[in-house]
Amino acid sequence: MSNDVTLIYNFDIDDEGYATVIAIVEDIRIIHDATKLDPPEYGPGVCKSGFYIGEDDEIPLSEDELIDYINEQDLDWEIYEDYLSEY
């Protein structure tokens, strides 16, 4: 099971270098509970996470490269389904 980002909704960096990411993350939430015969099934969800950007880090400009960069950060994702209802 991987928690890879597949789509970025929002990527912001504050004045202190803290980046906040809202994205679709694979295999983050349970779609179907486990049964006696089958394990739980996981699916994508809208999530939020953040991290500090190092002084020497270069932020990629293309979306695909930014997704790769975020996936390399090994982030702890929090399900953030309310994001879609805010817009």
PDB file of N, CA and C in Angstrom:
ATOM      1  N   MET A   1       0.845  -1.174   0.000  1.00  0.00           N
ATOM      2  CA  MET A   1       0.000   0.000   0.000  1.00  0.00           C
ATOM      3  C   MET A   1       0.891   1.238   0.000  1.00  0.00           C
ATOM      4  N   SER A   2       0.613   2.144  -0.929  1.00  0.00           N
ATOM      5  CA  SER A   2       1.421   3.358  -0.997  1.00  0.00           C
ATOM      6  C   SER A   2       0.541   4.582  -0.792  1.00  0.00           C
ATOM      7  N   ASN A   3       1.118   5.607  -0.245  1.00  0.00           N
ATOM      8  CA  ASN A   3       0.409   6.868  -0.044  1.00  0.00           C
ATOM      9  C   ASN A   3       0.975   7.917  -0.975  1.00  0.00           C
ATOM     10  N   ASP A   4       0.943   7.626  -2.271  1.00  0.00           N
ATOM     11  CA  ASP A   4       1.483   8.545  -3.266  1.00  0.00           C
ATOM     12  C   ASP A   4       0.460   9.603  -3.660  1.00  0.00           C
ATOM     13  N   VAL A   5       0.944  10.813  -3.856  1.00  0.00           N
ATOM     14  CA  VAL A   5       0.124  11.913  -4.358  1.00  0.00           C
ATOM     15  C   VAL A   5      -0.103  11.701  -5.852  1.00  0.00           C
ATOM     16  N   THR A   6      -1.361  11.887  -6.283  1.00  0.00           N
ATOM     17  CA  THR A   6      -1.665  11.776  -7.706  1.00  0.00           C
ATOM     18  C   THR A   6      -2.148  13.094  -8.299  1.00  0.00           C
ATOM     19  N   LEU A   7      -2.604  14.019  -7.436  1.00  0.00           N
ATOM     20  CA  LEU A   7      -3.097  15.315  -7.900  1.00  0.00           C
ATOM     21  C   LEU A   7      -2.931  16.326  -6.779  1.00  0.00           C
ATOM     22  N   ILE A   8      -2.447  17.504  -7.100  1.00  0.00           N
ATOM     23  CA  ILE A   8      -2.282  18.569  -6.116  1.00  0.00           C
ATOM     24  C   ILE A   8      -3.379  19.601  -6.312  1.00  0.00           C
ATOM     25  N   TYR A   9      -4.134  19.848  -5.239  1.00  0.00           N
ATOM     26  CA  TYR A   9      -5.148  20.905  -5.281  1.00  0.00           C
ATOM     27  C   TYR A   9      -4.556  22.260  -4.899  1.00  0.00           C
ATOM     28  N   ASN A  10      -3.653  22.242  -3.902  1.00  0.00           N
ATOM     29  CA  ASN A  10      -3.102  23.499  -3.409  1.00  0.00           C
ATOM     30  C   ASN A  10      -1.709  23.245  -2.828  1.00  0.00           C
ATOM     31  N   PHE A  11      -0.797  24.184  -3.106  1.00  0.00           N
ATOM     32  CA  PHE A  11       0.562  24.133  -2.568  1.00  0.00           C
ATOM     33  C   PHE A  11       0.956  25.558  -2.222  1.00  0.00           C
ATOM     34  N   ASP A  12       1.075  25.846  -0.936  1.00  0.00           N
ATOM     35  CA  ASP A  12       1.421  27.191  -0.469  1.00  0.00           C
ATOM     36  C   ASP A  12       2.647  27.142   0.419  1.00  0.00           C
ATOM     37  N   ILE A  13       3.467  28.169   0.321  1.00  0.00           N
ATOM     38  CA  ILE A  13       4.643  28.303   1.180  1.00  0.00           C
ATOM     39  C   ILE A  13       4.520  29.631   1.922  1.00  0.00           C
ATOM     40  N   ASP A  14       4.607  29.578   3.260  1.00  0.00           N
ATOM     41  CA  ASP A  14       4.502  30.821   4.028  1.00  0.00           C
ATOM     42  C   ASP A  14       5.856  31.517   4.123  1.00  0.00           C
ATOM     43  N   ASP A  15       5.889  32.644   4.813  1.00  0.00           N
ATOM     44  CA  ASP A  15       7.107  33.449   4.926  1.00  0.00           C
ATOM     45  C   ASP A  15       8.237  32.750   5.679  1.00  0.00           C
ATOM     46  N   GLU A  16       7.899  31.734   6.480  1.00  0.00           N
ATOM     47  CA  GLU A  16       8.912  31.010   7.256  1.00  0.00           C
ATOM     48  C   GLU A  16       9.398  29.752   6.546  1.00  0.00           C
ATOM     49  N   GLY A  17       8.935  29.532   5.314  1.00  0.00           N
ATOM     50  CA  GLY A  17       9.378  28.370   4.545  1.00  0.00           C
ATOM     51  C   GLY A  17       8.597  27.099   4.812  1.00  0.00           C
ATOM     52  N   TYR A  18       7.417  27.228   5.434  1.00  0.00           N
ATOM     53  CA  TYR A  18       6.582  26.057   5.697  1.00  0.00           C
ATOM     54  C   TYR A  18       5.611  25.874   4.538  1.00  0.00           C
ATOM     55  N   ALA A  19       5.663  24.703   3.917  1.00  0.00           N
ATOM     56  CA  ALA A  19       4.795  24.394   2.777  1.00  0.00           C
ATOM     57  C   ALA A  19       3.598  23.588   3.254  1.00  0.00           C
ATOM     58  N   THR A  20       2.418  23.989   2.813  1.00  0.00           N
ATOM     59  CA  THR A  20       1.189  23.252   3.080  1.00  0.00           C
ATOM     60  C   THR A  20       0.687  22.698   1.763  1.00  0.00           C
ATOM     61  N   VAL A  21       0.351  21.405   1.779  1.00  0.00           N
ATOM     62  CA  VAL A  21      -0.080  20.714   0.575  1.00  0.00           C
ATOM     63  C   VAL A  21      -1.464  20.117   0.796  1.00  0.00           C
ATOM     64  N   ILE A  22      -2.353  20.334  -0.170  1.00  0.00           N
ATOM     65  CA  ILE A  22      -3.645  19.659  -0.201  1.00  0.00           C
ATOM     66  C   ILE A  22      -3.677  18.889  -1.506  1.00  0.00           C
ATOM     67  N   ALA A  23      -3.891  17.566  -1.391  1.00  0.00           N
ATOM     68  CA  ALA A  23      -3.734  16.716  -2.558  1.00  0.00           C
ATOM     69  C   ALA A  23      -4.576  15.451  -2.457  1.00  0.00           C
ATOM     70  N   ILE A  24      -4.744  14.793  -3.601  1.00  0.00           N
ATOM     71  CA  ILE A  24      -5.325  13.454  -3.628  1.00  0.00           C
ATOM     72  C   ILE A  24      -4.194  12.475  -3.320  1.00  0.00           C
ATOM     73  N   VAL A  25      -4.403  11.635  -2.318  1.00  0.00           N
ATOM     74  CA  VAL A  25      -3.406  10.665  -1.901  1.00  0.00           C
ATOM     75  C   VAL A  25      -4.005   9.264  -2.056  1.00  0.00           C
ATOM     76  N   GLU A  26      -3.272   8.379  -2.699  1.00  0.00           N
ATOM     77  CA  GLU A  26      -3.730   7.009  -2.932  1.00  0.00           C
ATOM     78  C   GLU A  26      -3.701   6.174  -1.651  1.00  0.00           C
ATOM     79  N   ASP A  27      -4.623   5.238  -1.546  1.00  0.00           N
ATOM     80  CA  ASP A  27      -4.643   4.225  -0.481  1.00  0.00           C
ATOM     81  C   ASP A  27      -4.584   4.825   0.921  1.00  0.00           C
ATOM     82  N   ILE A  28      -5.318   5.893   1.148  1.00  0.00           N
ATOM     83  CA  ILE A  28      -5.253   6.596   2.433  1.00  0.00           C
ATOM     84  C   ILE A  28      -6.457   6.308   3.333  1.00  0.00           C
ATOM     85  N   ARG A  29      -7.584   5.929   2.734  1.00  0.00           N
ATOM     86  CA  ARG A  29      -8.774   5.701   3.559  1.00  0.00           C
ATOM     87  C   ARG A  29      -9.414   4.368   3.191  1.00  0.00           C
ATOM     88  N   ILE A  30     -10.108   3.806   4.168  1.00  0.00           N
ATOM     89  CA  ILE A  30     -10.752   2.513   3.951  1.00  0.00           C
ATOM     90  C   ILE A  30     -12.021   2.700   3.133  1.00  0.00           C
ATOM     91  N   ILE A  31     -12.107   1.956   2.029  1.00  0.00           N
ATOM     92  CA  ILE A  31     -13.290   1.955   1.166  1.00  0.00           C
ATOM     93  C   ILE A  31     -14.251   0.857   1.624  1.00  0.00           C
ATOM     94  N   HIS A  32     -13.702  -0.330   1.917  1.00  0.00           N
ATOM     95  CA  HIS A  32     -14.478  -1.468   2.404  1.00  0.00           C
ATOM     96  C   HIS A  32     -13.746  -2.079   3.592  1.00  0.00           C
ATOM     97  N   ASP A  33     -14.491  -2.308   4.661  1.00  0.00           N
ATOM     98  CA  ASP A  33     -13.897  -2.927   5.845  1.00  0.00           C
ATOM     99  C   ASP A  33     -13.485  -4.362   5.556  1.00  0.00           C
ATOM    100  N   ALA A  34     -12.596  -4.858   6.392  1.00  0.00           N
ATOM    101  CA  ALA A  34     -12.161  -6.248   6.275  1.00  0.00           C
ATOM    102  C   ALA A  34     -13.316  -7.178   6.631  1.00  0.00           C
ATOM    103  N   THR A  35     -13.298  -8.334   6.015  1.00  0.00           N
ATOM    104  CA  THR A  35     -14.242  -9.396   6.366  1.00  0.00           C
ATOM    105  C   THR A  35     -13.420 -10.591   6.827  1.00  0.00           C
ATOM    106  N   LYS A  36     -14.107 -11.670   7.173  1.00  0.00           N
ATOM    107  CA  LYS A  36     -13.382 -12.872   7.578  1.00  0.00           C
ATOM    108  C   LYS A  36     -12.554 -13.435   6.431  1.00  0.00           C
ATOM    109  N   LEU A  37     -12.963 -13.145   5.198  1.00  0.00           N
ATOM    110  CA  LEU A  37     -12.282 -13.697   4.033  1.00  0.00           C
ATOM    111  C   LEU A  37     -11.374 -12.709   3.304  1.00  0.00           C
ATOM    112  N   ASP A  38     -11.657 -11.417   3.447  1.00  0.00           N
ATOM    113  CA  ASP A  38     -10.923 -10.419   2.670  1.00  0.00           C
ATOM    114  C   ASP A  38     -10.339  -9.324   3.560  1.00  0.00           C
ATOM    115  N   PRO A  39      -9.168  -8.823   3.182  1.00  0.00           N
ATOM    116  CA  PRO A  39      -8.576  -7.698   3.924  1.00  0.00           C
ATOM    117  C   PRO A  39      -9.333  -6.405   3.607  1.00  0.00           C
ATOM    118  N   PRO A  40      -9.086  -5.345   4.355  1.00  0.00           N
ATOM    119  CA  PRO A  40      -9.735  -4.073   4.030  1.00  0.00           C
ATOM    120  C   PRO A  40      -9.272  -3.567   2.667  1.00  0.00           C
ATOM    121  N   GLU A  41     -10.159  -2.813   2.024  1.00  0.00           N
ATOM    122  CA  GLU A  41      -9.809  -2.217   0.734  1.00  0.00           C
ATOM    123  C   GLU A  41      -9.639  -0.715   0.933  1.00  0.00           C
ATOM    124  N   TYR A  42      -8.518  -0.196   0.444  1.00  0.00           N
ATOM    125  CA  TYR A  42      -8.202   1.215   0.600  1.00  0.00           C
ATOM    126  C   TYR A  42      -8.354   1.950  -0.727  1.00  0.00           C
ATOM    127  N   GLY A  43      -8.655   3.250  -0.638  1.00  0.00           N
ATOM    128  CA  GLY A  43      -8.792   4.060  -1.834  1.00  0.00           C
ATOM    129  C   GLY A  43      -8.265   5.465  -1.597  1.00  0.00           C
ATOM    130  N   PRO A  44      -8.340   6.316  -2.618  1.00  0.00           N
ATOM    131  CA  PRO A  44      -7.800   7.673  -2.514  1.00  0.00           C
ATOM    132  C   PRO A  44      -8.672   8.584  -1.658  1.00  0.00           C
ATOM    133  N   GLY A  45      -8.056   9.662  -1.214  1.00  0.00           N
ATOM    134  CA  GLY A  45      -8.778  10.671  -0.455  1.00  0.00           C
ATOM    135  C   GLY A  45      -8.082  12.015  -0.553  1.00  0.00           C
ATOM    136  N   VAL A  46      -8.827  13.076  -0.277  1.00  0.00           N
ATOM    137  CA  VAL A  46      -8.250  14.420  -0.219  1.00  0.00           C
ATOM    138  C   VAL A  46      -7.564  14.556   1.138  1.00  0.00           C
ATOM    139  N   CYS A  47      -6.302  14.951   1.112  1.00  0.00           N
ATOM    140  CA  CYS A  47      -5.503  15.025   2.341  1.00  0.00           C
ATOM    141  C   CYS A  47      -4.731  16.333   2.416  1.00  0.00           C
ATOM    142  N   LYS A  48      -4.273  16.600   3.642  1.00  0.00           N
ATOM    143  CA  LYS A  48      -3.485  17.808   3.897  1.00  0.00           C
ATOM    144  C   LYS A  48      -2.249  17.407   4.683  1.00  0.00           C
ATOM    145  N   SER A  49      -1.138  18.039   4.381  1.00  0.00           N
ATOM    146  CA  SER A  49       0.098  17.828   5.118  1.00  0.00           C
ATOM    147  C   SER A  49       0.980  19.065   4.944  1.00  0.00           C
ATOM    148  N   GLY A  50       2.093  19.068   5.646  1.00  0.00           N
ATOM    149  CA  GLY A  50       3.001  20.201   5.524  1.00  0.00           C
ATOM    150  C   GLY A  50       4.412  19.821   5.923  1.00  0.00           C
ATOM    151  N   PHE A  51       5.348  20.658   5.513  1.00  0.00           N
ATOM    152  CA  PHE A  51       6.752  20.427   5.808  1.00  0.00           C
ATOM    153  C   PHE A  51       7.525  21.719   5.587  1.00  0.00           C
ATOM    154  N   TYR A  52       8.693  21.799   6.225  1.00  0.00           N
ATOM    155  CA  TYR A  52       9.580  22.948   6.022  1.00  0.00           C
ATOM    156  C   TYR A  52      10.466  22.681   4.814  1.00  0.00           C
ATOM    157  N   ILE A  53      10.624  23.685   4.001  1.00  0.00           N
ATOM    158  CA  ILE A  53      11.473  23.596   2.822  1.00  0.00           C
ATOM    159  C   ILE A  53      12.867  24.077   3.201  1.00  0.00           C
ATOM    160  N   GLY A  54      13.873  23.290   2.859  1.00  0.00           N
ATOM    161  CA  GLY A  54      15.257  23.662   3.148  1.00  0.00           C
ATOM    162  C   GLY A  54      15.696  24.842   2.303  1.00  0.00           C
ATOM    163  N   GLU A  55      16.679  25.577   2.804  1.00  0.00           N
ATOM    164  CA  GLU A  55      17.172  26.759   2.095  1.00  0.00           C
ATOM    165  C   GLU A  55      17.721  26.419   0.721  1.00  0.00           C
ATOM    166  N   ASP A  56      18.284  25.231   0.581  1.00  0.00           N
ATOM    167  CA  ASP A  56      18.888  24.831  -0.690  1.00  0.00           C
ATOM    168  C   ASP A  56      17.914  24.098  -1.614  1.00  0.00           C
ATOM    169  N   ASP A  57      16.708  23.815  -1.128  1.00  0.00           N
ATOM    170  CA  ASP A  57      15.726  23.099  -1.954  1.00  0.00           C
ATOM    171  C   ASP A  57      15.212  23.994  -3.073  1.00  0.00           C
ATOM    172  N   GLU A  58      15.132  23.418  -4.250  1.00  0.00           N
ATOM    173  CA  GLU A  58      14.524  24.111  -5.383  1.00  0.00           C
ATOM    174  C   GLU A  58      13.157  23.495  -5.616  1.00  0.00           C
ATOM    175  N   ILE A  59      12.137  24.328  -5.622  1.00  0.00           N
ATOM    176  CA  ILE A  59      10.776  23.851  -5.819  1.00  0.00           C
ATOM    177  C   ILE A  59      10.536  23.668  -7.315  1.00  0.00           C
ATOM    178  N   PRO A  60      10.138  22.464  -7.721  1.00  0.00           N
ATOM    179  CA  PRO A  60       9.868  22.229  -9.142  1.00  0.00           C
ATOM    180  C   PRO A  60       8.713  23.093  -9.637  1.00  0.00           C
ATOM    181  N   LEU A  61       8.777  23.476 -10.891  1.00  0.00           N
ATOM    182  CA  LEU A  61       7.738  24.338 -11.458  1.00  0.00           C
ATOM    183  C   LEU A  61       6.637  23.559 -12.172  1.00  0.00           C
ATOM    184  N   SER A  62       6.958  22.392 -12.696  1.00  0.00           N
ATOM    185  CA  SER A  62       5.924  21.622 -13.392  1.00  0.00           C
ATOM    186  C   SER A  62       5.147  20.786 -12.370  1.00  0.00           C
ATOM    187  N   GLU A  63       3.895  20.505 -12.680  1.00  0.00           N
ATOM    188  CA  GLU A  63       3.061  19.747 -11.749  1.00  0.00           C
ATOM    189  C   GLU A  63       3.601  18.338 -11.522  1.00  0.00           C
ATOM    190  N   ASP A  64       4.033  17.662 -12.580  1.00  0.00           N
ATOM    191  CA  ASP A  64       4.555  16.302 -12.433  1.00  0.00           C
ATOM    192  C   ASP A  64       5.800  16.274 -11.548  1.00  0.00           C
ATOM    193  N   GLU A  65       6.687  17.228 -11.737  1.00  0.00           N
ATOM    194  CA  GLU A  65       7.901  17.288 -10.915  1.00  0.00           C
ATOM    195  C   GLU A  65       7.568  17.660  -9.472  1.00  0.00           C
ATOM    196  N   LEU A  66       6.563  18.521  -9.280  1.00  0.00           N
ATOM    197  CA  LEU A  66       6.142  18.893  -7.929  1.00  0.00           C
ATOM    198  C   LEU A  66       5.542  17.680  -7.215  1.00  0.00           C
ATOM    199  N   ILE A  67       4.755  16.881  -7.920  1.00  0.00           N
ATOM    200  CA  ILE A  67       4.203  15.656  -7.328  1.00  0.00           C
ATOM    201  C   ILE A  67       5.338  14.728  -6.901  1.00  0.00           C
ATOM    202  N   ASP A  68       6.332  14.548  -7.764  1.00  0.00           N
ATOM    203  CA  ASP A  68       7.484  13.708  -7.415  1.00  0.00           C
ATOM    204  C   ASP A  68       8.206  14.259  -6.182  1.00  0.00           C
ATOM    205  N   TYR A  69       8.411  15.565  -6.142  1.00  0.00           N
ATOM    206  CA  TYR A  69       9.088  16.221  -5.018  1.00  0.00           C
ATOM    207  C   TYR A  69       8.316  15.981  -3.717  1.00  0.00           C
ATOM    208  N   ILE A  70       6.999  16.152  -3.754  1.00  0.00           N
ATOM    209  CA  ILE A  70       6.176  15.951  -2.556  1.00  0.00           C
ATOM    210  C   ILE A  70       6.212  14.487  -2.124  1.00  0.00           C
ATOM    211  N   ASN A  71       6.133  13.570  -3.080  1.00  0.00           N
ATOM    212  CA  ASN A  71       6.183  12.144  -2.734  1.00  0.00           C
ATOM    213  C   ASN A  71       7.512  11.760  -2.081  1.00  0.00           C
ATOM    214  N   GLU A  72       8.587  12.456  -2.404  1.00  0.00           N
ATOM    215  CA  GLU A  72       9.896  12.182  -1.799  1.00  0.00           C
ATOM    216  C   GLU A  72       9.981  12.653  -0.342  1.00  0.00           C
ATOM    217  N   GLN A  73       9.039  13.487   0.100  1.00  0.00           N
ATOM    218  CA  GLN A  73       9.117  14.085   1.437  1.00  0.00           C
ATOM    219  C   GLN A  73       8.692  13.146   2.565  1.00  0.00           C
ATOM    220  N   ASP A  74       8.064  12.010   2.264  1.00  0.00           N
ATOM    221  CA  ASP A  74       7.625  11.052   3.279  1.00  0.00           C
ATOM    222  C   ASP A  74       6.757  11.748   4.339  1.00  0.00           C
ATOM    223  N   LEU A  75       5.662  12.332   3.894  1.00  0.00           N
ATOM    224  CA  LEU A  75       4.792  13.126   4.750  1.00  0.00           C
ATOM    225  C   LEU A  75       3.771  12.281   5.503  1.00  0.00           C
ATOM    226  N   ASP A  76       3.316  12.810   6.635  1.00  0.00           N
ATOM    227  CA  ASP A  76       2.198  12.227   7.377  1.00  0.00           C
ATOM    228  C   ASP A  76       0.936  12.948   6.910  1.00  0.00           C
ATOM    229  N   TRP A  77       0.084  12.224   6.195  1.00  0.00           N
ATOM    230  CA  TRP A  77      -1.112  12.820   5.609  1.00  0.00           C
ATOM    231  C   TRP A  77      -2.296  12.734   6.549  1.00  0.00           C
ATOM    232  N   GLU A  78      -3.106  13.797   6.561  1.00  0.00           N
ATOM    233  CA  GLU A  78      -4.336  13.874   7.345  1.00  0.00           C
ATOM    234  C   GLU A  78      -5.492  13.984   6.354  1.00  0.00           C
ATOM    235  N   ILE A  79      -6.500  13.139   6.502  1.00  0.00           N
ATOM    236  CA  ILE A  79      -7.647  13.204   5.595  1.00  0.00           C
ATOM    237  C   ILE A  79      -8.330  14.554   5.773  1.00  0.00           C
ATOM    238  N   TYR A  80      -8.646  15.192   4.663  1.00  0.00           N
ATOM    239  CA  TYR A  80      -9.159  16.568   4.653  1.00  0.00           C
ATOM    240  C   TYR A  80     -10.301  16.685   3.644  1.00  0.00           C
ATOM    241  N   GLU A  81     -11.305  15.831   3.787  1.00  0.00           N
ATOM    242  CA  GLU A  81     -12.415  15.788   2.841  1.00  0.00           C
ATOM    243  C   GLU A  81     -13.196  17.103   2.791  1.00  0.00           C
ATOM    244  N   ASP A  82     -13.178  17.880   3.862  1.00  0.00           N
ATOM    245  CA  ASP A  82     -13.925  19.148   3.877  1.00  0.00           C
ATOM    246  C   ASP A  82     -13.405  20.152   2.863  1.00  0.00           C
ATOM    247  N   TYR A  83     -12.199  19.960   2.379  1.00  0.00           N
ATOM    248  CA  TYR A  83     -11.604  20.915   1.432  1.00  0.00           C
ATOM    249  C   TYR A  83     -12.492  21.122   0.213  1.00  0.00           C
ATOM    250  N   LEU A  84     -13.027  20.046  -0.342  1.00  0.00           N
ATOM    251  CA  LEU A  84     -13.830  20.161  -1.549  1.00  0.00           C
ATOM    252  C   LEU A  84     -15.134  20.919  -1.304  1.00  0.00           C
ATOM    253  N   SER A  85     -15.695  20.810  -0.113  1.00  0.00           N
ATOM    254  CA  SER A  85     -16.942  21.515   0.190  1.00  0.00           C
ATOM    255  C   SER A  85     -16.707  23.011   0.439  1.00  0.00           C
ATOM    256  N   GLU A  86     -15.458  23.401   0.654  1.00  0.00           N
ATOM    257  CA  GLU A  86     -15.145  24.819   0.874  1.00  0.00           C
ATOM    258  C   GLU A  86     -15.125  25.607  -0.418  1.00  0.00           C
ATOM    259  N   TYR A  87     -15.075  24.903  -1.556  1.00  0.00           N
ATOM    260  CA  TYR A  87     -14.950  25.585  -2.840  1.00  0.00           C
ATOM    261  C   TYR A  87     -16.086  25.303  -3.756  1.00  0.00           C
TER     262      TYR A  87
END
